[in-house]
Amino acid sequence: MMAADDGATILQEKDEPPKMPDKNQTKFDVIIIGAGPSGYTAGIYCSRAGYDTLILSGLLPGGQLVNTTEVENYPGFEKGIMGPDLMIEMRKQTQRMGTTIIDDEAVNVDFRHKPFKVLTASEEYEAKAVIIATGANPRKLGLEGEQTFGGKGVSYCATCDGPFFRNQELIVVGGGDSAIEEATFLTKFATTVHVVHRRDELRASKAMQERAFNNEKIKFHWDSEVTDIKGDQKMQQAILKNLKTGEEKTLDAGGLFVAIGHEPNTKLFKNQIDLDEEGYIILKNKTHTNIEGVFAAGDVHDRRYRQAITAAGYGCMAAIDVDKYLTEKP
């Protein structure tokens, strides 16, 4: 029978910080490139499966979420959680599992021979398997106000941030499927959604266009671009310029959603693995790339969902696929 104080002893042992792995080590079972939700989740699963795992976090550990304010749609946090805090918690959990995390950037890879090589500016690492979790970045307008009001009215994800803008006028910049899908979604919360497009017609699919044209809450501003974003503590106005007439006008709006596409962070892997015309990694089966032993997870291949929860799910899938690969081909 367990002694009365044994339970407390066990809890105390569990609360002790994990023994940190040797960071001078250069050979691993698995290397994960990238440290967003997909990279950290893959690290947790790989380490728990008993694999010696390294995460090269890059220069911005945490990915896009470190620039995000409140996250309400990630399960497990009743009152929401700040994006940077969520990534800190993920990092701590991953380290606790025994994953080595090095805040360094991969500058070159060699997937032509095994073991695979991943190079930083100062070190060369080797692994039996690699998971690419470098994510994607939203294309930006390049305005000073875009940076000033990032997280304070300017957003790149309607699904993530739309509910914060109830009963406000909103702006969506873009004319493709993503822009019109975001505009339509935002009509659930906004009083009016202003779509600003540089051309005089949309690039979105006909079905999506018809849905938007028939939505009384969506108003179109053709041949126009946003030239400035203004406000006090938060965004309050956007300046629009007509590209044909040069006329400028001011729109009062509580939020501006930039939907002009994403750029996957895959330049490093060009000529190493198969990429599509936009640079997204092409998967053969679930998380497998065309190179046996090299896997991908998250926004680096996912052009549709682009959510923290789906990225984490892909990280789990990639780690399970790595386990199967290393078990069958140790």
C-alpha atoms as a PDB file:
ATOM      1  CA  MET A   1       0.000   0.000   0.000  1.00  0.00           C
ATOM      2  CA  MET A   2       1.302   3.494  -0.863  1.00  0.00           C
ATOM      3  CA  ALA A   3       2.437   5.611   2.059  1.00  0.00           C
ATOM      4  CA  ALA A   4       0.535   8.812   2.742  1.00  0.00           C
ATOM      5  CA  ASP A   5       3.359  11.045   1.548  1.00  0.00           C
ATOM      6  CA  ASP A   6       4.204   9.010  -1.573  1.00  0.00           C
ATOM      7  CA  GLY A   7       1.640  10.817  -3.678  1.00  0.00           C
ATOM      8  CA  ALA A   8       3.071  14.194  -2.728  1.00  0.00           C
ATOM      9  CA  THR A   9       6.559  12.937  -3.533  1.00  0.00           C
ATOM     10  CA  ILE A  10       5.443  11.782  -6.962  1.00  0.00           C
ATOM     11  CA  LEU A  11       3.774  15.131  -7.672  1.00  0.00           C
ATOM     12  CA  GLN A  12       6.886  16.963  -6.572  1.00  0.00           C
ATOM     13  CA  GLU A  13       9.011  14.904  -8.929  1.00  0.00           C
ATOM     14  CA  LYS A  14       6.627  15.650 -11.778  1.00  0.00           C
ATOM     15  CA  ASP A  15       6.918  19.368 -11.105  1.00  0.00           C
ATOM     16  CA  GLU A  16      10.691  19.347 -11.360  1.00  0.00           C
ATOM     17  CA  PRO A  17      12.048  20.988 -14.528  1.00  0.00           C
ATOM     18  CA  PRO A  18      13.127  18.552 -17.230  1.00  0.00           C
ATOM     19  CA  LYS A  19      16.746  17.718 -17.753  1.00  0.00           C
ATOM     20  CA  MET A  20      17.851  19.829 -20.694  1.00  0.00           C
ATOM     21  CA  PRO A  21      19.376  17.920 -23.634  1.00  0.00           C
ATOM     22  CA  ASP A  22      22.949  18.501 -24.753  1.00  0.00           C
ATOM     23  CA  LYS A  23      22.846  21.384 -27.229  1.00  0.00           C
ATOM     24  CA  ASN A  24      26.335  20.565 -28.537  1.00  0.00           C
ATOM     25  CA  GLN A  25      24.876  17.456 -30.125  1.00  0.00           C
ATOM     26  CA  THR A  26      24.665  17.534 -33.940  1.00  0.00           C
ATOM     27  CA  LYS A  27      23.163  14.132 -34.818  1.00  0.00           C
ATOM     28  CA  PHE A  28      19.489  13.459 -34.147  1.00  0.00           C
ATOM     29  CA  ASP A  29      16.759  11.032 -35.088  1.00  0.00           C
ATOM     30  CA  VAL A  30      14.443  13.853 -36.185  1.00  0.00           C
ATOM     31  CA  ILE A  31      15.009  17.499 -37.074  1.00  0.00           C
ATOM     32  CA  ILE A  32      12.017  19.834 -37.178  1.00  0.00           C
ATOM     33  CA  ILE A  33      12.543  23.097 -39.036  1.00  0.00           C
ATOM     34  CA  GLY A  34      10.219  25.734 -37.620  1.00  0.00           C
ATOM     35  CA  ALA A  35       8.654  26.421 -34.230  1.00  0.00           C
ATOM     36  CA  GLY A  36       5.020  27.378 -34.677  1.00  0.00           C
ATOM     37  CA  PRO A  37       2.078  25.233 -33.540  1.00  0.00           C
ATOM     38  CA  SER A  38       2.956  22.519 -36.083  1.00  0.00           C
ATOM     39  CA  GLY A  39       6.650  22.393 -35.161  1.00  0.00           C
ATOM     40  CA  TYR A  40       6.091  22.332 -31.416  1.00  0.00           C
ATOM     41  CA  THR A  41       3.356  19.691 -31.677  1.00  0.00           C
ATOM     42  CA  ALA A  42       5.561  17.523 -33.874  1.00  0.00           C
ATOM     43  CA  GLY A  43       8.324  17.905 -31.295  1.00  0.00           C
ATOM     44  CA  ILE A  44       6.050  16.782 -28.468  1.00  0.00           C
ATOM     45  CA  TYR A  45       4.934  13.676 -30.360  1.00  0.00           C
ATOM     46  CA  CYS A  46       8.381  12.733 -31.654  1.00  0.00           C
ATOM     47  CA  SER A  47      10.020  13.110 -28.250  1.00  0.00           C
ATOM     48  CA  ARG A  48       7.263  11.171 -26.477  1.00  0.00           C
ATOM     49  CA  ALA A  49       7.763   8.391 -29.023  1.00  0.00           C
ATOM     50  CA  GLY A  50      11.377   8.130 -27.849  1.00  0.00           C
ATOM     51  CA  TYR A  51      13.128   9.900 -30.711  1.00  0.00           C
ATOM     52  CA  ASP A  52      16.045  12.252 -30.176  1.00  0.00           C
ATOM     53  CA  THR A  53      14.475  15.386 -31.616  1.00  0.00           C
ATOM     54  CA  LEU A  54      15.819  18.818 -32.531  1.00  0.00           C
ATOM     55  CA  ILE A  55      13.741  21.892 -33.355  1.00  0.00           C
ATOM     56  CA  LEU A  56      15.473  24.710 -35.208  1.00  0.00           C
ATOM     57  CA  SER A  57      13.102  27.513 -34.345  1.00  0.00           C
ATOM     58  CA  GLY A  58      14.335  30.139 -36.769  1.00  0.00           C
ATOM     59  CA  LEU A  59      14.766  33.773 -35.815  1.00  0.00           C
ATOM     60  CA  LEU A  60      11.128  34.227 -34.751  1.00  0.00           C
ATOM     61  CA  PRO A  61      10.142  31.302 -32.486  1.00  0.00           C
ATOM     62  CA  GLY A  62       6.386  30.898 -32.345  1.00  0.00           C
ATOM     63  CA  GLY A  63       5.598  31.863 -35.920  1.00  0.00           C
ATOM     64  CA  GLN A  64       2.703  34.185 -36.755  1.00  0.00           C
ATOM     65  CA  LEU A  65       1.078  33.789 -33.345  1.00  0.00           C
ATOM     66  CA  VAL A  66       3.764  35.861 -31.641  1.00  0.00           C
ATOM     67  CA  ASN A  67       2.320  38.843 -33.516  1.00  0.00           C
ATOM     68  CA  THR A  68      -1.250  37.971 -32.571  1.00  0.00           C
ATOM     69  CA  THR A  69      -3.161  39.429 -29.667  1.00  0.00           C
ATOM     70  CA  GLU A  70      -6.017  37.446 -28.095  1.00  0.00           C
ATOM     71  CA  VAL A  71      -6.669  33.922 -29.382  1.00  0.00           C
ATOM     72  CA  GLU A  72     -10.202  32.772 -28.587  1.00  0.00           C
ATOM     73  CA  ASN A  73     -10.546  29.752 -30.847  1.00  0.00           C
ATOM     74  CA  TYR A  74      -7.749  27.498 -29.587  1.00  0.00           C
ATOM     75  CA  PRO A  75      -9.318  24.790 -27.377  1.00  0.00           C
ATOM     76  CA  GLY A  76      -8.448  24.565 -23.705  1.00  0.00           C
ATOM     77  CA  PHE A  77      -8.507  28.249 -22.807  1.00  0.00           C
ATOM     78  CA  GLU A  78     -11.964  29.263 -21.608  1.00  0.00           C
ATOM     79  CA  LYS A  79     -11.192  32.982 -21.568  1.00  0.00           C
ATOM     80  CA  GLY A  80      -8.815  32.931 -24.517  1.00  0.00           C
ATOM     81  CA  ILE A  81      -5.064  33.410 -24.431  1.00  0.00           C
ATOM     82  CA  MET A  82      -2.635  35.902 -25.934  1.00  0.00           C
ATOM     83  CA  GLY A  83      -0.841  34.519 -28.984  1.00  0.00           C
ATOM     84  CA  PRO A  84       2.695  34.917 -27.555  1.00  0.00           C
ATOM     85  CA  ASP A  85       1.609  33.278 -24.276  1.00  0.00           C
ATOM     86  CA  LEU A  86       0.193  30.294 -26.146  1.00  0.00           C
ATOM     87  CA  MET A  87       3.483  29.801 -27.979  1.00  0.00           C
ATOM     88  CA  ILE A  88       5.491  30.105 -24.747  1.00  0.00           C
ATOM     89  CA  GLU A  89       3.343  27.375 -23.190  1.00  0.00           C
ATOM     90  CA  MET A  90       3.797  25.153 -26.264  1.00  0.00           C
ATOM     91  CA  ARG A  91       7.556  25.688 -26.157  1.00  0.00           C
ATOM     92  CA  LYS A  92       7.762  24.792 -22.449  1.00  0.00           C
ATOM     93  CA  GLN A  93       5.706  21.650 -22.996  1.00  0.00           C
ATOM     94  CA  THR A  94       7.879  20.609 -25.925  1.00  0.00           C
ATOM     95  CA  GLN A  95      11.065  21.132 -23.914  1.00  0.00           C
ATOM     96  CA  ARG A  96       9.577  19.194 -21.024  1.00  0.00           C
ATOM     97  CA  MET A  97       9.200  16.205 -23.336  1.00  0.00           C
ATOM     98  CA  GLY A  98      12.961  16.343 -23.945  1.00  0.00           C
ATOM     99  CA  THR A  99      13.079  18.085 -27.306  1.00  0.00           C
ATOM    100  CA  THR A 100      16.194  20.142 -27.997  1.00  0.00           C
ATOM    101  CA  ILE A 101      15.176  23.621 -29.183  1.00  0.00           C
ATOM    102  CA  ILE A 102      17.808  25.871 -30.713  1.00  0.00           C
ATOM    103  CA  ASP A 103      16.875  29.414 -31.694  1.00  0.00           C
ATOM    104  CA  ASP A 104      18.829  29.402 -34.920  1.00  0.00           C
ATOM    105  CA  GLU A 105      17.849  29.630 -38.562  1.00  0.00           C
ATOM    106  CA  ALA A 106      18.340  26.904 -41.145  1.00  0.00           C
ATOM    107  CA  VAL A 107      20.199  28.415 -44.099  1.00  0.00           C
ATOM    108  CA  ASN A 108      20.673  25.304 -46.250  1.00  0.00           C
ATOM    109  CA  VAL A 109      19.571  21.687 -46.472  1.00  0.00           C
ATOM    110  CA  ASP A 110      20.745  18.569 -48.257  1.00  0.00           C
ATOM    111  CA  PHE A 111      18.023  15.981 -48.778  1.00  0.00           C
ATOM    112  CA  ARG A 112      19.873  14.175 -51.586  1.00  0.00           C
ATOM    113  CA  HIS A 113      21.592  11.712 -49.293  1.00  0.00           C
ATOM    114  CA  LYS A 114      20.924  10.108 -45.930  1.00  0.00           C
ATOM    115  CA  PRO A 115      21.385  11.083 -43.210  1.00  0.00           C
ATOM    116  CA  PHE A 116      19.761  14.376 -44.151  1.00  0.00           C
ATOM    117  CA  LYS A 117      21.740  17.525 -43.415  1.00  0.00           C
ATOM    118  CA  VAL A 118      20.378  20.835 -42.139  1.00  0.00           C
ATOM    119  CA  LEU A 119      22.820  23.722 -41.869  1.00  0.00           C
ATOM    120  CA  THR A 120      22.702  26.915 -39.844  1.00  0.00           C
ATOM    121  CA  ALA A 121      25.245  29.712 -40.099  1.00  0.00           C
ATOM    122  CA  SER A 122      27.330  28.070 -37.376  1.00  0.00           C
ATOM    123  CA  GLU A 123      26.556  24.339 -37.377  1.00  0.00           C
ATOM    124  CA  GLU A 124      25.709  21.314 -39.497  1.00  0.00           C
ATOM    125  CA  TYR A 125      23.064  18.927 -38.142  1.00  0.00           C
ATOM    126  CA  GLU A 126      22.147  15.426 -39.311  1.00  0.00           C
ATOM    127  CA  ALA A 127      18.927  13.442 -38.963  1.00  0.00           C
ATOM    128  CA  LYS A 128      17.252  10.260 -40.134  1.00  0.00           C
ATOM    129  CA  ALA A 129      14.010  12.187 -40.774  1.00  0.00           C
ATOM    130  CA  VAL A 130      13.070  15.826 -41.222  1.00  0.00           C
ATOM    131  CA  ILE A 131       9.765  17.651 -40.664  1.00  0.00           C
ATOM    132  CA  ILE A 132       9.404  20.991 -42.454  1.00  0.00           C
ATOM    133  CA  ALA A 133       7.188  23.312 -40.411  1.00  0.00           C
ATOM    134  CA  THR A 134       8.353  26.725 -41.611  1.00  0.00           C
ATOM    135  CA  GLY A 135       4.850  28.112 -42.153  1.00  0.00           C
ATOM    136  CA  ALA A 136       3.726  30.914 -44.431  1.00  0.00           C
ATOM    137  CA  ASN A 137       3.499  34.669 -44.105  1.00  0.00           C
ATOM    138  CA  PRO A 138       0.587  36.820 -45.291  1.00  0.00           C
ATOM    139  CA  ARG A 139       1.418  39.256 -48.055  1.00  0.00           C
ATOM    140  CA  LYS A 140       1.252  42.805 -46.753  1.00  0.00           C
ATOM    141  CA  LEU A 141       0.298  46.142 -48.214  1.00  0.00           C
ATOM    142  CA  GLY A 142       3.584  47.722 -47.200  1.00  0.00           C
ATOM    143  CA  LEU A 143       2.022  50.654 -45.346  1.00  0.00           C
ATOM    144  CA  GLU A 144       3.433  52.165 -42.168  1.00  0.00           C
ATOM    145  CA  GLY A 145      -0.045  52.142 -40.629  1.00  0.00           C
ATOM    146  CA  GLU A 146      -0.270  48.421 -41.314  1.00  0.00           C
ATOM    147  CA  GLN A 147       2.500  47.826 -38.807  1.00  0.00           C
ATOM    148  CA  THR A 148       1.295  50.492 -36.378  1.00  0.00           C
ATOM    149  CA  PHE A 149      -2.187  48.977 -36.138  1.00  0.00           C
ATOM    150  CA  GLY A 150      -1.248  45.304 -36.458  1.00  0.00           C
ATOM    151  CA  GLY A 151      -3.394  43.558 -33.855  1.00  0.00           C
ATOM    152  CA  LYS A 152      -5.171  46.869 -33.265  1.00  0.00           C
ATOM    153  CA  GLY A 153      -7.554  46.758 -36.188  1.00  0.00           C
ATOM    154  CA  VAL A 154      -5.388  45.348 -38.966  1.00  0.00           C
ATOM    155  CA  SER A 155      -5.700  41.585 -39.396  1.00  0.00           C
ATOM    156  CA  TYR A 156      -4.826  38.854 -41.875  1.00  0.00           C
ATOM    157  CA  CYS A 157      -7.370  36.253 -40.754  1.00  0.00           C
ATOM    158  CA  ALA A 158     -11.126  36.828 -40.648  1.00  0.00           C
ATOM    159  CA  THR A 159     -11.782  33.451 -39.044  1.00  0.00           C
ATOM    160  CA  CYS A 160      -9.368  34.302 -36.234  1.00  0.00           C
ATOM    161  CA  ASP A 161     -10.361  37.900 -35.567  1.00  0.00           C
ATOM    162  CA  GLY A 162     -13.798  38.507 -37.086  1.00  0.00           C
ATOM    163  CA  PRO A 163     -15.760  38.011 -33.839  1.00  0.00           C
ATOM    164  CA  PHE A 164     -13.809  40.887 -32.233  1.00  0.00           C
ATOM    165  CA  PHE A 165     -15.415  43.362 -34.674  1.00  0.00           C
ATOM    166  CA  ARG A 166     -19.115  42.975 -34.032  1.00  0.00           C
ATOM    167  CA  ASN A 167     -21.359  45.820 -35.228  1.00  0.00           C
ATOM    168  CA  GLN A 168     -18.507  47.714 -36.900  1.00  0.00           C
ATOM    169  CA  GLU A 169     -17.737  48.715 -40.476  1.00  0.00           C
ATOM    170  CA  LEU A 170     -14.874  46.632 -41.865  1.00  0.00           C
ATOM    171  CA  ILE A 171     -12.611  46.687 -44.919  1.00  0.00           C
ATOM    172  CA  VAL A 172     -11.278  43.716 -46.875  1.00  0.00           C
ATOM    173  CA  VAL A 173      -8.450  44.297 -49.345  1.00  0.00           C
ATOM    174  CA  GLY A 174      -8.273  41.851 -52.251  1.00  0.00           C
ATOM    175  CA  GLY A 175     -10.342  40.356 -55.032  1.00  0.00           C
ATOM    176  CA  GLY A 176      -9.572  36.649 -55.093  1.00  0.00           C
ATOM    177  CA  ASP A 177     -11.363  33.700 -53.533  1.00  0.00           C
ATOM    178  CA  SER A 178      -9.752  34.270 -50.122  1.00  0.00           C
ATOM    179  CA  ALA A 179     -10.766  37.935 -50.022  1.00  0.00           C
ATOM    180  CA  ILE A 180     -14.372  37.294 -51.004  1.00  0.00           C
ATOM    181  CA  GLU A 181     -14.637  34.338 -48.653  1.00  0.00           C
ATOM    182  CA  GLU A 182     -13.350  36.517 -45.810  1.00  0.00           C
ATOM    183  CA  ALA A 183     -15.695  39.373 -46.727  1.00  0.00           C
ATOM    184  CA  THR A 184     -18.683  37.031 -46.760  1.00  0.00           C
ATOM    185  CA  PHE A 185     -17.660  35.543 -43.414  1.00  0.00           C
ATOM    186  CA  LEU A 186     -17.256  38.991 -41.860  1.00  0.00           C
ATOM    187  CA  THR A 187     -20.843  39.969 -42.735  1.00  0.00           C
ATOM    188  CA  LYS A 188     -21.868  37.751 -39.814  1.00  0.00           C
ATOM    189  CA  PHE A 189     -20.418  40.382 -37.482  1.00  0.00           C
ATOM    190  CA  ALA A 190     -20.037  43.666 -39.376  1.00  0.00           C
ATOM    191  CA  THR A 191     -22.636  46.281 -40.248  1.00  0.00           C
ATOM    192  CA  THR A 192     -20.934  46.795 -43.624  1.00  0.00           C
ATOM    193  CA  VAL A 193     -17.944  45.138 -45.307  1.00  0.00           C
ATOM    194  CA  HIS A 194     -16.101  47.308 -47.832  1.00  0.00           C
ATOM    195  CA  VAL A 195     -14.163  45.280 -50.410  1.00  0.00           C
ATOM    196  CA  VAL A 196     -11.290  47.296 -51.902  1.00  0.00           C
ATOM    197  CA  HIS A 197      -9.877  45.896 -55.139  1.00  0.00           C
ATOM    198  CA  ARG A 198      -7.276  47.300 -57.542  1.00  0.00           C
ATOM    199  CA  ARG A 199      -9.167  46.098 -60.613  1.00  0.00           C
ATOM    200  CA  ASP A 200     -12.663  46.655 -61.985  1.00  0.00           C
ATOM    201  CA  GLU A 201     -13.633  43.007 -61.615  1.00  0.00           C
ATOM    202  CA  LEU A 202     -13.012  40.210 -59.132  1.00  0.00           C
ATOM    203  CA  ARG A 203     -10.682  37.265 -59.622  1.00  0.00           C
ATOM    204  CA  ALA A 204     -12.786  35.052 -57.350  1.00  0.00           C
ATOM    205  CA  SER A 205     -14.825  32.161 -58.715  1.00  0.00           C
ATOM    206  CA  LYS A 206     -18.177  33.011 -60.317  1.00  0.00           C
ATOM    207  CA  ALA A 207     -20.167  31.271 -57.584  1.00  0.00           C
ATOM    208  CA  MET A 208     -18.356  33.191 -54.874  1.00  0.00           C
ATOM    209  CA  GLN A 209     -18.783  36.465 -56.775  1.00  0.00           C
ATOM    210  CA  GLU A 210     -22.534  35.972 -57.091  1.00  0.00           C
ATOM    211  CA  ARG A 211     -22.819  35.243 -53.386  1.00  0.00           C
ATOM    212  CA  ALA A 212     -20.943  38.450 -52.581  1.00  0.00           C
ATOM    213  CA  PHE A 213     -22.851  40.614 -55.076  1.00  0.00           C
ATOM    214  CA  ASN A 214     -26.131  39.393 -53.594  1.00  0.00           C
ATOM    215  CA  ASN A 215     -25.047  40.190 -50.042  1.00  0.00           C
ATOM    216  CA  GLU A 216     -26.466  43.558 -49.053  1.00  0.00           C
ATOM    217  CA  LYS A 217     -23.771  44.064 -46.417  1.00  0.00           C
ATOM    218  CA  ILE A 218     -20.905  43.998 -48.940  1.00  0.00           C
ATOM    219  CA  LYS A 219     -19.962  47.189 -50.783  1.00  0.00           C
ATOM    220  CA  PHE A 220     -17.312  47.249 -53.524  1.00  0.00           C
ATOM    221  CA  HIS A 221     -14.706  49.936 -54.213  1.00  0.00           C
ATOM    222  CA  TRP A 222     -13.290  49.219 -57.671  1.00  0.00           C
ATOM    223  CA  ASP A 223      -9.943  50.339 -59.141  1.00  0.00           C
ATOM    224  CA  SER A 224      -8.872  51.373 -55.665  1.00  0.00           C
ATOM    225  CA  GLU A 225      -6.167  50.775 -53.105  1.00  0.00           C
ATOM    226  CA  VAL A 226      -5.623  51.610 -49.454  1.00  0.00           C
ATOM    227  CA  THR A 227      -2.901  54.236 -49.162  1.00  0.00           C
ATOM    228  CA  ASP A 228      -2.991  54.969 -45.437  1.00  0.00           C
ATOM    229  CA  ILE A 229      -4.444  53.690 -42.164  1.00  0.00           C
ATOM    230  CA  LYS A 230      -5.207  56.101 -39.352  1.00  0.00           C
ATOM    231  CA  GLY A 231      -6.370  55.993 -35.775  1.00  0.00           C
ATOM    232  CA  ASP A 232      -5.545  56.669 -32.163  1.00  0.00           C
ATOM    233  CA  GLN A 233      -5.051  53.604 -29.969  1.00  0.00           C
ATOM    234  CA  LYS A 234      -6.775  51.481 -32.607  1.00  0.00           C
ATOM    235  CA  MET A 235      -7.467  51.802 -36.306  1.00  0.00           C
ATOM    236  CA  GLN A 236     -10.326  54.190 -37.069  1.00  0.00           C
ATOM    237  CA  GLN A 237      -9.980  55.163 -40.719  1.00  0.00           C
ATOM    238  CA  ALA A 238      -8.513  54.068 -44.041  1.00  0.00           C
ATOM    239  CA  ILE A 239      -7.615  56.348 -46.945  1.00  0.00           C
ATOM    240  CA  LEU A 240      -8.621  54.973 -50.345  1.00  0.00           C
ATOM    241  CA  LYS A 241      -7.258  56.162 -53.679  1.00  0.00           C
ATOM    242  CA  ASN A 242      -8.919  55.529 -57.034  1.00  0.00           C
ATOM    243  CA  LEU A 243      -6.165  54.359 -59.385  1.00  0.00           C
ATOM    244  CA  LYS A 244      -7.897  55.729 -62.486  1.00  0.00           C
ATOM    245  CA  THR A 245      -8.996  59.153 -61.296  1.00  0.00           C
ATOM    246  CA  GLY A 246      -6.544  59.767 -58.456  1.00  0.00           C
ATOM    247  CA  GLU A 247      -9.455  60.724 -56.202  1.00  0.00           C
ATOM    248  CA  GLU A 248      -9.012  60.009 -52.502  1.00  0.00           C
ATOM    249  CA  LYS A 249     -11.671  59.315 -49.896  1.00  0.00           C
ATOM    250  CA  THR A 250     -11.758  58.384 -46.239  1.00  0.00           C
ATOM    251  CA  LEU A 251     -13.578  55.336 -44.906  1.00  0.00           C
ATOM    252  CA  ASP A 252     -14.438  55.069 -41.223  1.00  0.00           C
ATOM    253  CA  ALA A 253     -13.814  51.475 -40.192  1.00  0.00           C
ATOM    254  CA  GLY A 254     -12.911  49.558 -37.069  1.00  0.00           C
ATOM    255  CA  GLY A 255     -10.925  46.885 -38.867  1.00  0.00           C
ATOM    256  CA  LEU A 256      -9.023  46.165 -42.061  1.00  0.00           C
ATOM    257  CA  PHE A 257      -8.442  42.624 -43.286  1.00  0.00           C
ATOM    258  CA  VAL A 258      -5.636  42.110 -45.795  1.00  0.00           C
ATOM    259  CA  ALA A 259      -6.423  39.152 -48.065  1.00  0.00           C
ATOM    260  CA  ILE A 260      -3.960  39.359 -50.944  1.00  0.00           C
ATOM    261  CA  GLY A 261      -2.414  35.935 -50.484  1.00  0.00           C
ATOM    262  CA  HIS A 262       0.284  34.181 -48.492  1.00  0.00           C
ATOM    263  CA  GLU A 263       3.905  33.320 -49.205  1.00  0.00           C
ATOM    264  CA  PRO A 264       5.021  29.914 -47.907  1.00  0.00           C
ATOM    265  CA  ASN A 265       8.499  29.930 -46.391  1.00  0.00           C
ATOM    266  CA  THR A 266       9.964  27.382 -48.776  1.00  0.00           C
ATOM    267  CA  LYS A 267      12.756  29.158 -50.674  1.00  0.00           C
ATOM    268  CA  LEU A 268      15.211  27.077 -48.679  1.00  0.00           C
ATOM    269  CA  PHE A 269      13.785  23.865 -50.165  1.00  0.00           C
ATOM    270  CA  LYS A 270      13.626  24.871 -53.811  1.00  0.00           C
ATOM    271  CA  ASN A 271      15.259  22.199 -56.013  1.00  0.00           C
ATOM    272  CA  GLN A 272      15.280  19.867 -52.991  1.00  0.00           C
ATOM    273  CA  ILE A 273      11.601  18.866 -52.796  1.00  0.00           C
ATOM    274  CA  ASP A 274       8.576  19.337 -55.034  1.00  0.00           C
ATOM    275  CA  LEU A 275       6.812  22.700 -54.701  1.00  0.00           C
ATOM    276  CA  ASP A 276       3.755  23.963 -56.573  1.00  0.00           C
ATOM    277  CA  GLU A 277       3.657  27.131 -58.666  1.00  0.00           C
ATOM    278  CA  GLU A 278       3.060  29.282 -55.592  1.00  0.00           C
ATOM    279  CA  GLY A 279       5.809  27.662 -53.546  1.00  0.00           C
ATOM    280  CA  TYR A 280       3.665  25.447 -51.312  1.00  0.00           C
ATOM    281  CA  ILE A 281       5.043  21.984 -50.577  1.00  0.00           C
ATOM    282  CA  ILE A 282       3.354  19.247 -52.605  1.00  0.00           C
ATOM    283  CA  LEU A 283       2.418  16.254 -50.463  1.00  0.00           C
ATOM    284  CA  LYS A 284       2.274  12.732 -51.847  1.00  0.00           C
ATOM    285  CA  ASN A 285       0.357  11.149 -49.000  1.00  0.00           C
ATOM    286  CA  LYS A 286      -0.886  13.003 -45.924  1.00  0.00           C
ATOM    287  CA  THR A 287       2.383  14.601 -44.718  1.00  0.00           C
ATOM    288  CA  HIS A 288       4.940  12.901 -46.999  1.00  0.00           C
ATOM    289  CA  THR A 289       6.952  14.960 -49.490  1.00  0.00           C
ATOM    290  CA  ASN A 290       8.442  13.429 -52.634  1.00  0.00           C
ATOM    291  CA  ILE A 291      11.625  12.666 -50.660  1.00  0.00           C
ATOM    292  CA  GLU A 292      11.262   9.586 -48.504  1.00  0.00           C
ATOM    293  CA  GLY A 293      11.955  10.583 -44.912  1.00  0.00           C
ATOM    294  CA  VAL A 294      11.145  14.273 -45.381  1.00  0.00           C
ATOM    295  CA  PHE A 295       7.731  15.396 -44.145  1.00  0.00           C
ATOM    296  CA  ALA A 296       5.812  18.689 -43.978  1.00  0.00           C
ATOM    297  CA  ALA A 297       3.309  20.109 -41.513  1.00  0.00           C
ATOM    298  CA  GLY A 298       1.166  23.231 -41.258  1.00  0.00           C
ATOM    299  CA  ASP A 299       0.833  26.367 -43.361  1.00  0.00           C
ATOM    300  CA  VAL A 300       3.872  25.445 -45.425  1.00  0.00           C
ATOM    301  CA  HIS A 301       1.549  23.178 -47.417  1.00  0.00           C
ATOM    302  CA  ASP A 302      -1.917  24.170 -46.173  1.00  0.00           C
ATOM    303  CA  ARG A 303      -3.290  27.007 -48.272  1.00  0.00           C
ATOM    304  CA  ARG A 304      -6.883  26.597 -47.096  1.00  0.00           C
ATOM    305  CA  TYR A 305      -7.317  26.422 -43.326  1.00  0.00           C
ATOM    306  CA  ARG A 306      -4.268  28.250 -41.929  1.00  0.00           C
ATOM    307  CA  GLN A 307      -5.345  27.973 -38.281  1.00  0.00           C
ATOM    308  CA  ALA A 308      -3.235  27.289 -35.200  1.00  0.00           C
ATOM    309  CA  ILE A 309      -5.339  24.232 -34.399  1.00  0.00           C
ATOM    310  CA  THR A 310      -5.041  22.732 -37.899  1.00  0.00           C
ATOM    311  CA  ALA A 311      -1.288  23.441 -37.951  1.00  0.00           C
ATOM    312  CA  ALA A 312      -0.959  21.615 -34.632  1.00  0.00           C
ATOM    313  CA  GLY A 313      -3.003  18.744 -36.067  1.00  0.00           C
ATOM    314  CA  TYR A 314      -0.686  18.485 -39.060  1.00  0.00           C
ATOM    315  CA  GLY A 315       2.279  18.486 -36.663  1.00  0.00           C
ATOM    316  CA  CYS A 316       0.787  15.498 -34.883  1.00  0.00           C
ATOM    317  CA  MET A 317       0.158  13.714 -38.191  1.00  0.00           C
ATOM    318  CA  ALA A 318       3.697  14.344 -39.421  1.00  0.00           C
ATOM    319  CA  ALA A 319       5.206  12.998 -36.195  1.00  0.00           C
ATOM    320  CA  ILE A 320       3.091   9.842 -36.394  1.00  0.00           C
ATOM    321  CA  ASP A 321       4.171   9.384 -40.015  1.00  0.00           C
ATOM    322  CA  VAL A 322       7.804   9.886 -38.968  1.00  0.00           C
ATOM    323  CA  ASP A 323       7.390   7.214 -36.294  1.00  0.00           C
ATOM    324  CA  LYS A 324       6.031   4.762 -38.863  1.00  0.00           C
ATOM    325  CA  TYR A 325       8.846   5.612 -41.275  1.00  0.00           C
ATOM    326  CA  LEU A 326      11.624   5.202 -38.695  1.00  0.00           C
ATOM    327  CA  THR A 327      10.084   2.023 -37.315  1.00  0.00           C
ATOM    328  CA  GLU A 328       9.960   0.425 -40.734  1.00  0.00           C
ATOM    329  CA  LYS A 329      13.286   1.881 -41.908  1.00  0.00           C
ATOM    330  CA  PRO A 330      15.422   2.529 -38.833  1.00  0.00           C
END
